[in-house]
C-alpha atoms as a PDB file:
ATOM      1  CA  MET A   1      -2.966  -7.312 198.845  1.00  0.00           C
ATOM      2  CA  ASN A   2      -6.488  -8.140 197.628  1.00  0.00           C
ATOM      3  CA  ALA A   3      -9.634  -8.667 199.109  1.00  0.00           C
ATOM      4  CA  ASP A   4      -9.744 -12.504 198.563  1.00  0.00           C
ATOM      5  CA  ALA A   5      -6.164 -12.767 200.114  1.00  0.00           C
ATOM      6  CA  THR A   6      -7.554 -11.108 203.233  1.00  0.00           C
ATOM      7  CA  ASP A   7     -10.377 -13.424 203.729  1.00  0.00           C
ATOM      8  CA  LEU A   8      -8.322 -16.628 203.744  1.00  0.00           C
ATOM      9  CA  PRO A   9      -8.092 -17.779 207.134  1.00  0.00           C
ATOM     10  CA  ARG A  10      -4.570 -17.313 208.817  1.00  0.00           C
ATOM     11  CA  ARG A  11      -2.720 -20.496 208.940  1.00  0.00           C
ATOM     12  CA  ALA A  12      -1.625 -21.838 212.171  1.00  0.00           C
ATOM     13  CA  PRO A  13       2.057 -21.719 213.275  1.00  0.00           C
ATOM     14  CA  ARG A  14       4.421 -24.881 212.944  1.00  0.00           C
ATOM     15  CA  ILE A  15       4.267 -26.665 216.636  1.00  0.00           C
ATOM     16  CA  SER A  16       7.821 -26.542 218.326  1.00  0.00           C
ATOM     17  CA  ALA A  17       9.737 -29.453 220.137  1.00  0.00           C
ATOM     18  CA  GLN A  18       8.581 -27.776 223.526  1.00  0.00           C
ATOM     19  CA  ASP A  19       5.068 -27.956 222.273  1.00  0.00           C
ATOM     20  CA  VAL A  20       5.213 -31.731 222.087  1.00  0.00           C
ATOM     21  CA  PHE A  21       7.170 -32.223 225.256  1.00  0.00           C
ATOM     22  CA  ALA A  22       4.900 -30.187 227.122  1.00  0.00           C
ATOM     23  CA  ALA A  23       1.918 -32.472 226.027  1.00  0.00           C
ATOM     24  CA  ALA A  24       3.641 -35.513 226.526  1.00  0.00           C
ATOM     25  CA  ASP A  25       4.755 -34.601 230.184  1.00  0.00           C
ATOM     26  CA  ALA A  26       1.235 -33.636 230.810  1.00  0.00           C
ATOM     27  CA  LEU A  27       0.082 -37.172 229.433  1.00  0.00           C
ATOM     28  CA  LEU A  28       2.769 -38.849 231.196  1.00  0.00           C
ATOM     29  CA  GLY A  29       1.954 -36.897 234.749  1.00  0.00           C
ATOM     30  CA  GLU A  30      -1.867 -38.039 234.004  1.00  0.00           C
ATOM     31  CA  GLY A  31      -0.896 -41.895 233.581  1.00  0.00           C
ATOM     32  CA  HIS A  32      -1.492 -41.789 230.021  1.00  0.00           C
ATOM     33  CA  LYS A  33       1.156 -43.181 227.212  1.00  0.00           C
ATOM     34  CA  PRO A  34       2.289 -40.269 225.031  1.00  0.00           C
ATOM     35  CA  THR A  35       1.308 -41.282 221.507  1.00  0.00           C
ATOM     36  CA  ILE A  36       0.638 -39.164 218.287  1.00  0.00           C
ATOM     37  CA  ASP A  37      -2.874 -39.231 218.431  1.00  0.00           C
ATOM     38  CA  ARG A  38      -3.021 -38.071 221.949  1.00  0.00           C
ATOM     39  CA  VAL A  39      -0.530 -35.172 221.843  1.00  0.00           C
ATOM     40  CA  ARG A  40      -2.418 -34.014 218.835  1.00  0.00           C
ATOM     41  CA  VAL A  41      -5.428 -33.806 220.666  1.00  0.00           C
ATOM     42  CA  ARG A  42      -3.741 -32.329 223.493  1.00  0.00           C
ATOM     43  CA  LEU A  43      -2.507 -29.483 221.017  1.00  0.00           C
ATOM     44  CA  GLY A  44      -5.406 -29.170 218.807  1.00  0.00           C
ATOM     45  CA  ARG A  45      -3.191 -29.072 215.856  1.00  0.00           C
ATOM     46  CA  GLY A  46       0.096 -30.239 214.251  1.00  0.00           C
ATOM     47  CA  SER A  47       1.000 -32.650 211.616  1.00  0.00           C
ATOM     48  CA  PRO A  48       1.878 -36.473 212.559  1.00  0.00           C
ATOM     49  CA  ASN A  49       5.114 -36.398 210.911  1.00  0.00           C
ATOM     50  CA  THR A  50       6.100 -33.604 212.843  1.00  0.00           C
ATOM     51  CA  ILE A  51       4.765 -34.764 216.179  1.00  0.00           C
ATOM     52  CA  ASN A  52       6.593 -38.214 215.676  1.00  0.00           C
ATOM     53  CA  GLU A  53       9.803 -36.359 215.350  1.00  0.00           C
ATOM     54  CA  HIS A  54       9.592 -34.702 218.507  1.00  0.00           C
ATOM     55  CA  LEU A  55       8.305 -37.263 220.276  1.00  0.00           C
ATOM     56  CA  GLU A  56      10.964 -39.506 219.514  1.00  0.00           C
ATOM     57  CA  VAL A  57      13.298 -36.879 220.729  1.00  0.00           C
ATOM     58  CA  TRP A  58      11.412 -36.641 224.035  1.00  0.00           C
ATOM     59  CA  TRP A  59      11.527 -40.464 224.352  1.00  0.00           C
ATOM     60  CA  ARG A  60      15.273 -40.384 223.873  1.00  0.00           C
ATOM     61  CA  GLU A  61      15.859 -37.692 226.502  1.00  0.00           C
ATOM     62  CA  LEU A  62      13.275 -39.238 229.075  1.00  0.00           C
ATOM     63  CA  GLY A  63      15.853 -41.726 230.652  1.00  0.00           C
ATOM     64  CA  ILE A  64      18.209 -38.882 231.052  1.00  0.00           C
ATOM     65  CA  ARG A  65      15.612 -36.375 232.464  1.00  0.00           C
ATOM     66  CA  PHE A  66      14.585 -39.177 234.897  1.00  0.00           C
ATOM     67  CA  ARG A  67      17.956 -40.023 236.383  1.00  0.00           C
ATOM     68  CA  GLU A  68      18.364 -36.256 236.516  1.00  0.00           C
ATOM     69  CA  SER A  69      15.128 -35.136 237.942  1.00  0.00           C
ATOM     70  CA  ALA A  70      15.319 -34.688 241.685  1.00  0.00           C
ATOM     71  CA  GLY A  71      11.765 -35.398 241.783  1.00  0.00           C
ATOM     72  CA  LEU A  72      12.314 -38.857 240.210  1.00  0.00           C
ATOM     73  CA  ALA A  73      15.797 -39.440 242.056  1.00  0.00           C
ATOM     74  CA  LEU A  74      15.899 -43.103 243.948  1.00  0.00           C
ATOM     75  CA  PRO A  75      17.675 -42.515 247.279  1.00  0.00           C
ATOM     76  CA  GLY A  76      19.320 -45.373 248.502  1.00  0.00           C
ATOM     77  CA  VAL A  77      19.591 -47.464 245.480  1.00  0.00           C
ATOM     78  CA  PRO A  78      22.717 -49.223 244.664  1.00  0.00           C
ATOM     79  CA  GLU A  79      23.994 -48.056 241.169  1.00  0.00           C
ATOM     80  CA  ALA A  80      23.766 -51.807 239.634  1.00  0.00           C
ATOM     81  CA  ILE A  81      20.298 -51.564 240.409  1.00  0.00           C
ATOM     82  CA  GLY A  82      20.074 -48.204 239.252  1.00  0.00           C
ATOM     83  CA  GLN A  83      21.429 -49.491 235.748  1.00  0.00           C
ATOM     84  CA  HIS A  84      19.138 -52.266 235.711  1.00  0.00           C
ATOM     85  CA  LEU A  85      16.133 -49.802 236.072  1.00  0.00           C
ATOM     86  CA  VAL A  86      17.710 -47.807 233.285  1.00  0.00           C
ATOM     87  CA  GLU A  87      18.231 -50.693 231.109  1.00  0.00           C
ATOM     88  CA  LEU A  88      14.309 -51.513 231.739  1.00  0.00           C
ATOM     89  CA  TRP A  89      13.698 -48.114 231.159  1.00  0.00           C
ATOM     90  CA  ASN A  90      15.683 -47.999 227.799  1.00  0.00           C
ATOM     91  CA  LEU A  91      13.521 -51.413 227.120  1.00  0.00           C
ATOM     92  CA  ALA A  92      10.327 -50.001 227.693  1.00  0.00           C
ATOM     93  CA  LEU A  93      11.170 -46.782 225.748  1.00  0.00           C
ATOM     94  CA  GLY A  94      12.146 -49.155 222.632  1.00  0.00           C
ATOM     95  CA  GLU A  95       8.778 -50.775 222.836  1.00  0.00           C
ATOM     96  CA  SER A  96       7.119 -47.917 223.090  1.00  0.00           C
ATOM     97  CA  ARG A  97       9.074 -46.565 219.882  1.00  0.00           C
ATOM     98  CA  GLN A  98       8.222 -49.611 218.310  1.00  0.00           C
ATOM     99  CA  SER A  99       4.513 -48.882 218.751  1.00  0.00           C
ATOM    100  CA  LEU A 100       4.598 -45.635 217.874  1.00  0.00           C
ATOM    101  CA  HIS A 101       6.253 -46.767 214.752  1.00  0.00           C
ATOM    102  CA  ALA A 102       3.720 -49.312 213.837  1.00  0.00           C
ATOM    103  CA  ALA A 103       0.583 -46.570 214.810  1.00  0.00           C
ATOM    104  CA  LEU A 104       2.502 -44.387 212.635  1.00  0.00           C
ATOM    105  CA  LEU A 105       2.634 -47.147 209.809  1.00  0.00           C
ATOM    106  CA  GLU A 106      -1.122 -47.665 210.269  1.00  0.00           C
ATOM    107  CA  ARG A 107      -2.006 -44.240 209.839  1.00  0.00           C
ATOM    108  CA  GLU A 108       0.057 -43.524 206.858  1.00  0.00           C
ATOM    109  CA  LEU A 109      -1.401 -46.708 205.148  1.00  0.00           C
ATOM    110  CA  ALA A 110      -4.926 -45.171 206.144  1.00  0.00           C
ATOM    111  CA  LEU A 111      -3.736 -41.890 204.827  1.00  0.00           C
ATOM    112  CA  THR A 112      -2.728 -43.957 201.569  1.00  0.00           C
ATOM    113  CA  GLU A 113      -5.802 -45.884 201.417  1.00  0.00           C
ATOM    114  CA  ARG A 114      -7.652 -42.414 201.916  1.00  0.00           C
ATOM    115  CA  SER A 115      -5.449 -40.874 199.214  1.00  0.00           C
ATOM    116  CA  GLN A 116      -6.170 -43.721 196.811  1.00  0.00           C
ATOM    117  CA  ALA A 117      -9.708 -43.511 197.509  1.00  0.00           C
ATOM    118  CA  LEU A 118     -10.018 -39.648 196.901  1.00  0.00           C
ATOM    119  CA  ASP A 119      -7.732 -40.199 193.759  1.00  0.00           C
ATOM    120  CA  ALA A 120     -10.415 -42.670 192.652  1.00  0.00           C
ATOM    121  CA  ARG A 121     -13.280 -40.256 193.390  1.00  0.00           C
ATOM    122  CA  GLU A 122     -11.821 -37.546 191.585  1.00  0.00           C
ATOM    123  CA  GLN A 123     -11.204 -39.583 188.846  1.00  0.00           C
ATOM    124  CA  ALA A 124     -14.489 -40.645 188.699  1.00  0.00           C
ATOM    125  CA  LEU A 125     -16.005 -37.214 189.035  1.00  0.00           C
ATOM    126  CA  THR A 126     -13.429 -35.998 185.991  1.00  0.00           C
ATOM    127  CA  GLU A 127     -15.060 -38.430 183.919  1.00  0.00           C
ATOM    128  CA  ARG A 128     -18.463 -37.974 185.218  1.00  0.00           C
ATOM    129  CA  GLU A 129     -17.509 -34.087 184.206  1.00  0.00           C
ATOM    130  CA  ALA A 130     -16.183 -34.910 180.647  1.00  0.00           C
ATOM    131  CA  ALA A 131     -19.446 -36.766 180.481  1.00  0.00           C
ATOM    132  CA  VAL A 132     -21.774 -33.872 181.456  1.00  0.00           C
ATOM    133  CA  GLN A 133     -19.652 -31.674 179.016  1.00  0.00           C
ATOM    134  CA  ALA A 134     -20.004 -33.968 176.209  1.00  0.00           C
ATOM    135  CA  ARG A 135     -23.572 -34.157 176.923  1.00  0.00           C
ATOM    136  CA  LEU A 136     -23.995 -30.702 177.280  1.00  0.00           C
ATOM    137  CA  GLU A 137     -22.049 -30.246 174.131  1.00  0.00           C
ATOM    138  CA  ALA A 138     -24.400 -32.552 172.487  1.00  0.00           C
ATOM    139  CA  GLN A 139     -27.622 -30.487 173.634  1.00  0.00           C
ATOM    140  CA  ALA A 140     -25.880 -27.270 172.648  1.00  0.00           C
ATOM    141  CA  ALA A 141     -25.559 -28.729 168.934  1.00  0.00           C
ATOM    142  CA  ALA A 142     -29.013 -30.208 169.043  1.00  0.00           C
ATOM    143  CA  LEU A 143     -30.208 -26.876 170.302  1.00  0.00           C
ATOM    144  CA  ALA A 144     -28.625 -24.934 167.667  1.00  0.00           C
ATOM    145  CA  LEU A 145     -29.956 -27.195 164.884  1.00  0.00           C
ATOM    146  CA  ALA A 146     -33.185 -27.016 166.441  1.00  0.00           C
ATOM    147  CA  GLU A 147     -33.044 -23.195 166.310  1.00  0.00           C
ATOM    148  CA  ARG A 148     -32.173 -23.203 162.860  1.00  0.00           C
ATOM    149  CA  GLN A 149     -34.848 -25.330 162.147  1.00  0.00           C
ATOM    150  CA  LEU A 150     -37.352 -23.156 163.857  1.00  0.00           C
ATOM    151  CA  GLU A 151     -36.104 -20.103 161.947  1.00  0.00           C
ATOM    152  CA  GLU A 152     -36.872 -21.954 158.804  1.00  0.00           C
ATOM    153  CA  ALA A 153     -40.416 -22.733 160.045  1.00  0.00           C
ATOM    154  CA  ASN A 154     -40.793 -19.030 160.990  1.00  0.00           C
ATOM    155  CA  GLN A 155     -39.981 -18.061 157.607  1.00  0.00           C
ATOM    156  CA  ARG A 156     -42.111 -20.567 156.076  1.00  0.00           C
ATOM    157  CA  ALA A 157     -44.529 -19.508 158.273  1.00  0.00           C
ATOM    158  CA  ARG A 158     -44.500 -15.901 157.146  1.00  0.00           C
ATOM    159  CA  VAL A 159     -44.581 -16.856 153.712  1.00  0.00           C
ATOM    160  CA  LEU A 160     -47.563 -18.726 154.179  1.00  0.00           C
ATOM    161  CA  GLU A 161     -49.141 -16.125 156.475  1.00  0.00           C
ATOM    162  CA  VAL A 162     -48.416 -13.666 153.492  1.00  0.00           C
ATOM    163  CA  ALA A 163     -50.372 -16.179 151.028  1.00  0.00           C
ATOM    164  CA  LEU A 164     -53.037 -16.688 153.781  1.00  0.00           C
ATOM    165  CA  ALA A 165     -53.464 -12.722 154.358  1.00  0.00           C
ATOM    166  CA  GLN A 166     -54.108 -12.445 150.330  1.00  0.00           C
ATOM    167  CA  ARG A 167     -56.531 -15.301 150.591  1.00  0.00           C
ATOM    168  CA  ASP A 168     -58.551 -14.093 153.389  1.00  0.00           C
ATOM    169  CA  GLN A 169     -58.773 -10.526 151.375  1.00  0.00           C
ATOM    170  CA  GLU A 170     -59.869 -12.126 148.514  1.00  0.00           C
ATOM    171  CA  LEU A 171     -62.342 -14.080 150.722  1.00  0.00           C
ATOM    172  CA  GLU A 172     -62.987 -10.953 152.526  1.00  0.00           C
ATOM    173  CA  GLN A 173     -64.250  -9.071 149.122  1.00  0.00           C
ATOM    174  CA  ALA A 174     -66.231 -12.337 148.366  1.00  0.00           C
ATOM    175  CA  ARG A 175     -68.131 -12.331 151.309  1.00  0.00           C
ATOM    176  CA  HIS A 176     -68.558  -8.428 150.983  1.00  0.00           C
ATOM    177  CA  HIS A 177     -70.040  -9.240 147.347  1.00  0.00           C
ATOM    178  CA  ARG A 178     -72.252 -12.247 149.223  1.00  0.00           C
ATOM    179  CA  ALA A 179     -73.391  -9.896 151.738  1.00  0.00           C
ATOM    180  CA  GLY A 180     -74.726  -7.486 149.106  1.00  0.00           C
ATOM    181  CA  VAL A 181     -76.286 -10.079 147.296  1.00  0.00           C
ATOM    182  CA  GLU A 182     -77.888 -11.651 150.175  1.00  0.00           C
ATOM    183  CA  GLY A 183     -78.819  -8.079 151.459  1.00  0.00           C
ATOM    184  CA  GLU A 184     -80.488  -7.861 148.194  1.00  0.00           C
ATOM    185  CA  LEU A 185     -82.115 -11.589 148.468  1.00  0.00           C
ATOM    186  CA  SER A 186     -83.367 -10.394 151.867  1.00  0.00           C
ATOM    187  CA  GLN A 187     -85.166  -7.876 150.555  1.00  0.00           C
ATOM    188  CA  LEU A 188     -86.616  -9.813 147.952  1.00  0.00           C
ATOM    189  CA  ARG A 189     -87.578 -12.585 150.342  1.00  0.00           C
ATOM    190  CA  GLU A 190     -89.293  -9.789 152.472  1.00  0.00           C
ATOM    191  CA  GLN A 191     -91.645  -8.899 149.503  1.00  0.00           C
ATOM    192  CA  LEU A 192     -91.764 -12.100 148.582  1.00  0.00           C
ATOM    193  CA  SER A 193     -93.108 -13.141 152.197  1.00  0.00           C
ATOM    194  CA  ALA A 194     -95.562 -10.412 151.892  1.00  0.00           C
ATOM    195  CA  GLU A 195     -96.677 -11.357 147.969  1.00  0.00           C
ATOM    196  CA  GLN A 196     -96.062 -14.896 148.478  1.00  0.00           C
ATOM    197  CA  ALA A 197     -99.665 -15.830 147.557  1.00  0.00           C
ATOM    198  CA  SER A 198     -99.709 -13.805 144.199  1.00  0.00           C
ATOM    199  CA  HIS A 199     -96.122 -13.851 143.128  1.00  0.00           C
ATOM    200  CA  THR A 200     -95.177 -17.436 143.545  1.00  0.00           C
ATOM    201  CA  ALA A 201     -93.651 -17.172 139.727  1.00  0.00           C
ATOM    202  CA  GLU A 202     -91.387 -14.124 140.793  1.00  0.00           C
ATOM    203  CA  ARG A 203     -90.387 -15.752 143.676  1.00  0.00           C
ATOM    204  CA  GLU A 204     -89.008 -18.861 141.594  1.00  0.00           C
ATOM    205  CA  ARG A 205     -87.188 -16.303 139.385  1.00  0.00           C
ATOM    206  CA  LEU A 206     -85.843 -14.599 142.145  1.00  0.00           C
ATOM    207  CA  ASN A 207     -84.071 -18.011 143.053  1.00  0.00           C
ATOM    208  CA  GLU A 208     -82.950 -18.784 139.787  1.00  0.00           C
ATOM    209  CA  ARG A 209     -81.218 -15.206 139.858  1.00  0.00           C
ATOM    210  CA  TYR A 210     -79.743 -16.135 143.230  1.00  0.00           C
ATOM    211  CA  ASP A 211     -78.603 -19.704 141.829  1.00  0.00           C
ATOM    212  CA  LEU A 212     -77.142 -17.432 138.955  1.00  0.00           C
ATOM    213  CA  LEU A 213     -74.952 -14.592 141.372  1.00  0.00           C
ATOM    214  CA  GLN A 214     -73.879 -17.676 143.290  1.00  0.00           C
ATOM    215  CA  ASN A 215     -72.423 -19.471 139.887  1.00  0.00           C
ATOM    216  CA  ARG A 216     -71.158 -15.876 138.853  1.00  0.00           C
ATOM    217  CA  SER A 217     -69.769 -15.334 142.052  1.00  0.00           C
ATOM    218  CA  ALA A 218     -67.444 -18.967 141.841  1.00  0.00           C
ATOM    219  CA  GLN A 219     -67.025 -17.972 138.639  1.00  0.00           C
ATOM    220  CA  ASP A 220     -65.470 -14.677 139.323  1.00  0.00           C
ATOM    221  CA  ILE A 221     -63.265 -16.252 141.811  1.00  0.00           C
ATOM    222  CA  ASP A 222     -62.105 -18.628 139.719  1.00  0.00           C
ATOM    223  CA  ARG A 223     -61.457 -15.902 137.186  1.00  0.00           C
ATOM    224  CA  LEU A 224     -59.627 -14.094 140.126  1.00  0.00           C
ATOM    225  CA  HIS A 225     -57.391 -17.119 140.578  1.00  0.00           C
ATOM    226  CA  GLN A 226     -56.589 -17.610 136.793  1.00  0.00           C
ATOM    227  CA  ALA A 227     -55.955 -13.944 136.554  1.00  0.00           C
ATOM    228  CA  GLN A 228     -53.590 -14.150 139.615  1.00  0.00           C
ATOM    229  CA  ARG A 229     -51.538 -17.156 138.084  1.00  0.00           C
ATOM    230  CA  GLU A 230     -51.453 -15.483 134.335  1.00  0.00           C
ATOM    231  CA  ASP A 231     -50.012 -12.665 135.980  1.00  0.00           C
ATOM    232  CA  GLN A 232     -47.522 -14.744 137.645  1.00  0.00           C
ATOM    233  CA  LYS A 233     -46.324 -16.099 134.458  1.00  0.00           C
ATOM    234  CA  ARG A 234     -46.256 -12.701 132.800  1.00  0.00           C
ATOM    235  CA  LEU A 235     -44.247 -11.770 135.698  1.00  0.00           C
ATOM    236  CA  GLN A 236     -41.878 -14.675 135.228  1.00  0.00           C
ATOM    237  CA  THR A 237     -41.683 -13.959 131.066  1.00  0.00           C
ATOM    238  CA  LEU A 238     -41.108 -10.240 131.930  1.00  0.00           C
ATOM    239  CA  ARG A 239     -38.132 -11.203 134.219  1.00  0.00           C
ATOM    240  CA  ALA A 240     -36.897 -13.630 131.757  1.00  0.00           C
ATOM    241  CA  GLU A 241     -37.072 -10.580 129.067  1.00  0.00           C
ATOM    242  CA  ARG A 242     -35.394  -8.323 131.428  1.00  0.00           C
ATOM    243  CA  ASP A 243     -32.820 -10.649 132.021  1.00  0.00           C
ATOM    244  CA  HIS A 244     -32.071 -11.168 128.190  1.00  0.00           C
ATOM    245  CA  LEU A 245     -32.115  -7.610 127.794  1.00  0.00           C
ATOM    246  CA  VAL A 246     -29.435  -6.753 130.582  1.00  0.00           C
ATOM    247  CA  LYS A 247     -27.204  -9.582 128.516  1.00  0.00           C
ATOM    248  CA  GLU A 248     -27.968  -7.893 125.220  1.00  0.00           C
ATOM    249  CA  HIS A 249     -26.941  -4.318 126.540  1.00  0.00           C
ATOM    250  CA  ALA A 250     -23.750  -5.831 128.191  1.00  0.00           C
ATOM    251  CA  GLU A 251     -22.744  -7.482 124.570  1.00  0.00           C
ATOM    252  CA  ALA A 252     -24.093  -4.132 122.864  1.00  0.00           C
ATOM    253  CA  GLN A 253     -21.718  -2.312 125.056  1.00  0.00           C
ATOM    254  CA  ALA A 254     -18.626  -4.777 124.579  1.00  0.00           C
ATOM    255  CA  GLU A 255     -19.403  -4.358 120.831  1.00  0.00           C
ATOM    256  CA  ALA A 256     -19.355  -0.510 121.060  1.00  0.00           C
ATOM    257  CA  THR A 257     -16.194  -0.749 123.008  1.00  0.00           C
ATOM    258  CA  ARG A 258     -14.596  -2.784 120.399  1.00  0.00           C
ATOM    259  CA  TRP A 259     -15.669  -0.759 117.825  1.00  0.00           C
ATOM    260  CA  SER A 260     -14.733   2.497 119.323  1.00  0.00           C
ATOM    261  CA  ALA A 261     -11.254   1.267 119.657  1.00  0.00           C
ATOM    262  CA  GLU A 262     -11.234  -0.023 116.083  1.00  0.00           C
ATOM    263  CA  LEU A 263     -12.496   3.571 114.984  1.00  0.00           C
ATOM    264  CA  GLN A 264      -9.498   5.122 116.896  1.00  0.00           C
ATOM    265  CA  ALA A 265      -6.868   2.688 115.408  1.00  0.00           C
ATOM    266  CA  LEU A 266      -8.462   3.584 112.011  1.00  0.00           C
ATOM    267  CA  LYS A 267      -8.113   7.462 112.657  1.00  0.00           C
ATOM    268  CA  THR A 268      -4.485   7.030 114.078  1.00  0.00           C
ATOM    269  CA  LEU A 269      -3.605   5.009 110.427  1.00  0.00           C
ATOM    270  CA  ALA A 270      -5.552   7.818 108.626  1.00  0.00           C
ATOM    271  CA  ARG A 271      -3.375  10.460 110.186  1.00  0.00           C
ATOM    272  CA  ASP A 272      -0.117   8.325 109.844  1.00  0.00           C
ATOM    273  CA  ALA A 273      -1.240   8.123 105.938  1.00  0.00           C
ATOM    274  CA  SER A 274      -2.044  11.995 105.859  1.00  0.00           C
ATOM    275  CA  ALA A 275       1.023  13.021 107.108  1.00  0.00           C
ATOM    276  CA  GLY A 276       3.183  10.492 104.854  1.00  0.00           C
ATOM    277  CA  ALA A 277       0.933  11.972 101.833  1.00  0.00           C
ATOM    278  CA  LYS A 278       2.295  15.742 102.590  1.00  0.00           C
ATOM    279  CA  ALA A 279       5.609  14.507 102.899  1.00  0.00           C
ATOM    280  CA  GLY A 280       5.648  13.173  99.468  1.00  0.00           C
ATOM    281  CA  THR A 281       4.117  16.397  97.644  1.00  0.00           C
ATOM    282  CA  LYS A 282       6.680  18.351  99.589  1.00  0.00           C
ATOM    283  CA  THR A 283       9.704  16.100  98.133  1.00  0.00           C
ATOM    284  CA  LYS A 284       7.865  16.079  94.382  1.00  0.00           C
ATOM    285  CA  SER A 285       7.863  19.938  94.735  1.00  0.00           C
ATOM    286  CA  ARG A 286      11.272  20.281  95.475  1.00  0.00           C
ATOM    287  CA  ARG A 287      12.310  17.578  92.714  1.00  0.00           C
ATOM    288  CA  ARG A 288      10.509  19.840  90.238  1.00  0.00           C
ATOM    289  CA  LYS A 289      12.143  23.050  91.069  1.00  0.00           C
ATOM    290  CA  SER A 290      15.528  21.578  90.861  1.00  0.00           C
ATOM    291  CA  SER A 291      14.728  20.316  87.236  1.00  0.00           C
ATOM    292  CA  ARG A 292      13.356  23.694  86.181  1.00  0.00           C
ATOM    293  CA  LYS A 293      16.469  25.193  87.429  1.00  0.00           C
ATOM    294  CA  VAL A 294      19.020  22.574  85.508  1.00  0.00           C
ATOM    295  CA  ALA A 295      17.035  23.275  82.320  1.00  0.00           C
ATOM    296  CA  ARG A 296      17.531  27.012  82.585  1.00  0.00           C
ATOM    297  CA  ALA A 297      20.967  26.745  83.249  1.00  0.00           C
ATOM    298  CA  ARG A 298      21.251  24.608  80.046  1.00  0.00           C
ATOM    299  CA  SER A 299      19.631  27.086  77.916  1.00  0.00           C
END
């Protein structure tokens, strides 16, 4: 037995007929009409159907118990009157039974309506859960798409970061170059500040030199960019040439394989021809020896 089973509350035992009879007797002794709800409240538990079954038996047996009970005997009452009293009692029992049936039917109707309401609520909850599940699936699909798009954006960002890093490096080199130029210009300006009166022409020359250095720096940057573009083109050309060489190498290997197969076939034919020639030579030698023997015999 697992822990979940031990945690479940123990189910109350089924009520017995004696329990219902005792509760009905107590209610009747208190001056109350025994009904399903009153008996159930008195017992604190029990199914309305089970209580109704036992209560019907209690009502049927109540007349017999009334006649046989010494405490309920009517001394001095004639038998005919007693019979009428029993009939009245049975009539009361029938009306009470009808009241019980009507109450049971009303309760069953209420239970049916409640069950239908619960079914409708459960159906609504099911539909709501399906809608929520569909919305969650749609959100999950949208989230997956957003994640893919974010990953693609991150990849593009990384490529841009590399390009920006290269550009920053180039700019940093240009800044260093410019810093050197500016340092030199600062020294020149200090000298010019001390000798401004007598060196106006020198200051103009240095300004021209400064402008020239700036133009040269811009030209150097342009040449650097041009060199990068040319290097990229050369790289593409080298890649194309590499692919072409790989293709030619594969074709040359295929051609060498074909020539090797043909050479092997020619070697095989040469060996076969050599063997045939040797066999023909031996046959001619035997024929010449036979001819000599025949000539000697004739002579």
